[in-house]
Structure formats: C-alpha cells, structure tokens
Amino acid sequence: MPIKPPTHFNAIARNEWHRIIGLLKSRGLFDELRMASIEGYCTHYARFVTAEKNLAKATDQGEIDRWLAISGTASRKVRDFSRDLGIPIAVQARGPKAETKAEPTAETHEKRMLREVGDALAGWSPVQ
C-alpha cells in the first residue's frame, strides 16, 4: 500500500513524494525514521520547481531577484535533505539571466534534478 503524502502538499510535492519513496524503497534506503526528511525534501523540491517556473516568466528585475532567492534557498534545502536521506545530489541555483544565450527552462532544471537523484540512488545501497 502506498504511503500517502501530507495533505498540505501541492501537486509537484505529491508527485515527488511518490517518486522518491519508490526510489528509496527500491534501493533499500527507505524507513519510517526518514519521513520528516522526505517531507522536507519534497516541500523544498516543489518550491525550487515553482521558483524556476516563475523565474522563466519573470520580466522585471525585482521579480527576477525574488525568484532567484527562493530558487537558491530551496535548492540548498533540497541538497541538505538529500544528504539526510543518503542521496548525494548536486543542485545548483541558477545565476542571473545571460544576455547572449538562451536560458534553460524550469522544466529543464526539473528534469536535471530528477535525473541526478535517480543517478545518485542507482549507485547507493543501504548502510550496514
């Protein structure tokens, strides 16, 4: 029976909840003591994705700065919770918009983060 995500989660956090618990279980890294870290990870992952999506649509510098700050904080929290869960992950906050080349989309960042978590879990086994 699937473990239900917290009721306050948005769709992004709920989807990540199911995905990360499935990955942790398949690698033997899941246990009930990690629930708070999983909740924190999913909460901040959803904030990161939301910030990146809003950043991609931002037009004025104040709005850009606001979403960059939220994205940066959320990505650091995702990295911290990933460490707590035994998942090494490199999540980096996006820098200022480049003038000369196209910016990656928020979806690109989300896909990269998902791939990095999956790749990190692929090589890990439970600590004995």
Protein backbone atom coordinates (compact mmCIF):
# COMPACT_ATOMS: atom_id res chain seq x y z
CA MET A 1 0.00 0.00 0.00
CA PRO A 2 1.46 3.39 -0.99
CA ILE A 3 2.35 5.82 1.77
CA LYS A 4 0.13 8.88 1.41
CA PRO A 5 1.81 12.28 1.13
CA PRO A 6 0.93 15.04 3.59
CA THR A 7 -2.36 16.76 2.77
CA HIS A 8 -0.76 20.22 2.51
CA PHE A 9 1.44 19.18 -0.45
CA ASN A 10 0.83 20.68 -3.84
CA ALA A 11 0.85 18.52 -7.00
CA ILE A 12 4.61 18.92 -7.54
CA ALA A 13 5.44 17.83 -3.98
CA ARG A 14 2.95 14.92 -4.14
CA ASN A 15 4.46 13.62 -7.37
CA GLU A 16 7.98 13.90 -5.98
CA TRP A 17 6.83 12.17 -2.76
CA HIS A 18 5.67 9.11 -4.66
CA ARG A 19 8.72 9.12 -6.92
CA ILE A 20 11.35 9.49 -4.19
CA ILE A 21 9.71 6.97 -1.84
CA GLY A 22 9.59 4.46 -4.69
CA LEU A 23 13.26 5.04 -5.46
CA LEU A 24 14.28 4.83 -1.80
CA LYS A 25 12.29 1.61 -1.32
CA SER A 26 13.74 0.02 -4.45
CA ARG A 27 17.26 0.77 -3.20
CA GLY A 28 16.59 -0.39 0.36
CA LEU A 29 17.06 3.13 1.74
CA PHE A 30 13.51 3.74 2.98
CA ASP A 31 12.47 3.56 6.61
CA GLU A 32 9.86 5.33 8.74
CA LEU A 33 12.53 7.38 10.54
CA ARG A 34 13.22 9.27 7.32
CA MET A 35 9.67 10.58 6.87
CA ALA A 36 10.43 14.11 8.13
CA SER A 37 13.43 14.37 5.79
CA ILE A 38 11.35 13.06 2.88
CA GLU A 39 8.66 15.64 3.65
CA GLY A 40 11.25 18.42 3.85
CA TYR A 41 12.90 17.28 0.64
CA CYS A 42 9.58 17.21 -1.26
CA THR A 43 8.46 20.57 0.14
CA HIS A 44 11.65 22.31 -0.94
CA TYR A 45 11.79 20.46 -4.24
CA ALA A 46 8.31 21.84 -5.05
CA ARG A 47 9.46 25.35 -4.06
CA PHE A 48 12.51 25.01 -6.30
CA VAL A 49 10.42 23.91 -9.31
CA THR A 50 7.81 26.63 -8.69
CA ALA A 51 10.50 29.29 -8.36
CA GLU A 52 12.21 28.16 -11.56
CA LYS A 53 8.92 28.20 -13.47
CA ASN A 54 8.14 31.70 -12.20
CA LEU A 55 11.68 32.84 -12.89
CA ALA A 56 11.30 31.77 -16.51
CA LYS A 57 8.27 34.11 -16.78
CA ALA A 58 9.69 37.00 -14.73
CA THR A 59 10.10 40.30 -16.55
CA ASP A 60 11.29 42.93 -14.08
CA GLN A 61 14.48 42.78 -12.05
CA GLY A 62 12.70 42.81 -8.68
CA GLU A 63 10.66 39.76 -9.65
CA ILE A 64 13.75 38.03 -11.07
CA ASP A 65 15.68 38.69 -7.85
CA ARG A 66 12.81 37.40 -5.71
CA TRP A 67 12.52 34.11 -7.62
CA LEU A 68 16.30 33.68 -7.75
CA ALA A 69 16.44 34.00 -3.96
CA ILE A 70 13.64 31.47 -3.47
CA SER A 71 15.21 29.08 -6.00
CA GLY A 72 18.63 29.34 -4.35
CA THR A 73 17.31 28.72 -0.84
CA ALA A 74 15.11 25.83 -1.99
CA SER A 75 17.95 24.18 -3.92
CA ARG A 76 20.21 24.35 -0.84
CA LYS A 77 17.46 22.80 1.28
CA VAL A 78 16.93 20.03 -1.31
CA ARG A 79 20.66 19.32 -1.17
CA ASP A 80 20.58 19.27 2.66
CA PHE A 81 17.62 16.90 2.82
CA SER A 82 19.18 14.75 0.10
CA ARG A 83 22.23 14.34 2.31
CA ASP A 84 19.97 13.41 5.25
CA LEU A 85 18.36 10.75 3.07
CA GLY A 86 21.71 9.40 1.87
CA ILE A 87 21.28 10.72 -1.65
CA PRO A 88 24.28 12.67 -2.97
CA ILE A 89 22.94 15.33 -5.31
CA ALA A 90 24.32 18.46 -6.90
CA VAL A 91 21.55 21.03 -7.10
CA GLN A 92 22.75 24.46 -8.05
CA ALA A 93 20.85 27.69 -8.00
CA ARG A 94 20.61 29.37 -11.36
CA GLY A 95 22.58 32.57 -11.78
CA PRO A 96 21.47 35.83 -13.39
CA LYS A 97 19.97 35.71 -16.86
CA ALA A 98 22.57 35.53 -19.59
CA GLU A 99 22.21 38.12 -22.33
CA THR A 100 23.87 36.19 -25.13
CA LYS A 101 22.47 32.69 -24.91
CA ALA A 102 19.09 31.15 -24.32
CA GLU A 103 18.18 30.33 -20.74
CA PRO A 104 17.32 26.75 -19.83
CA THR A 105 13.67 26.40 -18.90
CA ALA A 106 12.39 25.48 -15.45
CA GLU A 107 11.35 22.14 -16.93
CA THR A 108 14.96 21.52 -17.94
CA HIS A 109 16.10 22.18 -14.36
CA GLU A 110 13.39 19.90 -13.01
CA LYS A 111 14.37 17.08 -15.37
CA ARG A 112 18.05 17.53 -14.48
CA MET A 113 17.30 17.35 -10.77
CA LEU A 114 15.16 14.22 -11.23
CA ARG A 115 17.91 12.58 -13.28
CA GLU A 116 20.56 13.46 -10.68
CA VAL A 117 18.50 11.99 -7.83
CA GLY A 118 17.85 8.81 -9.84
CA ASP A 119 21.52 8.53 -10.83
CA ALA A 120 22.65 9.08 -7.25
CA LEU A 121 20.33 6.40 -5.94
CA ALA A 122 21.38 3.93 -8.64
CA GLY A 123 24.82 3.56 -7.09
CA TRP A 124 23.79 3.53 -3.45
CA SER A 125 22.97 0.67 -1.17
CA PRO A 126 21.77 0.74 2.44
CA VAL A 127 24.40 1.38 5.08
CA GLN A 128 25.07 -1.80 7.02
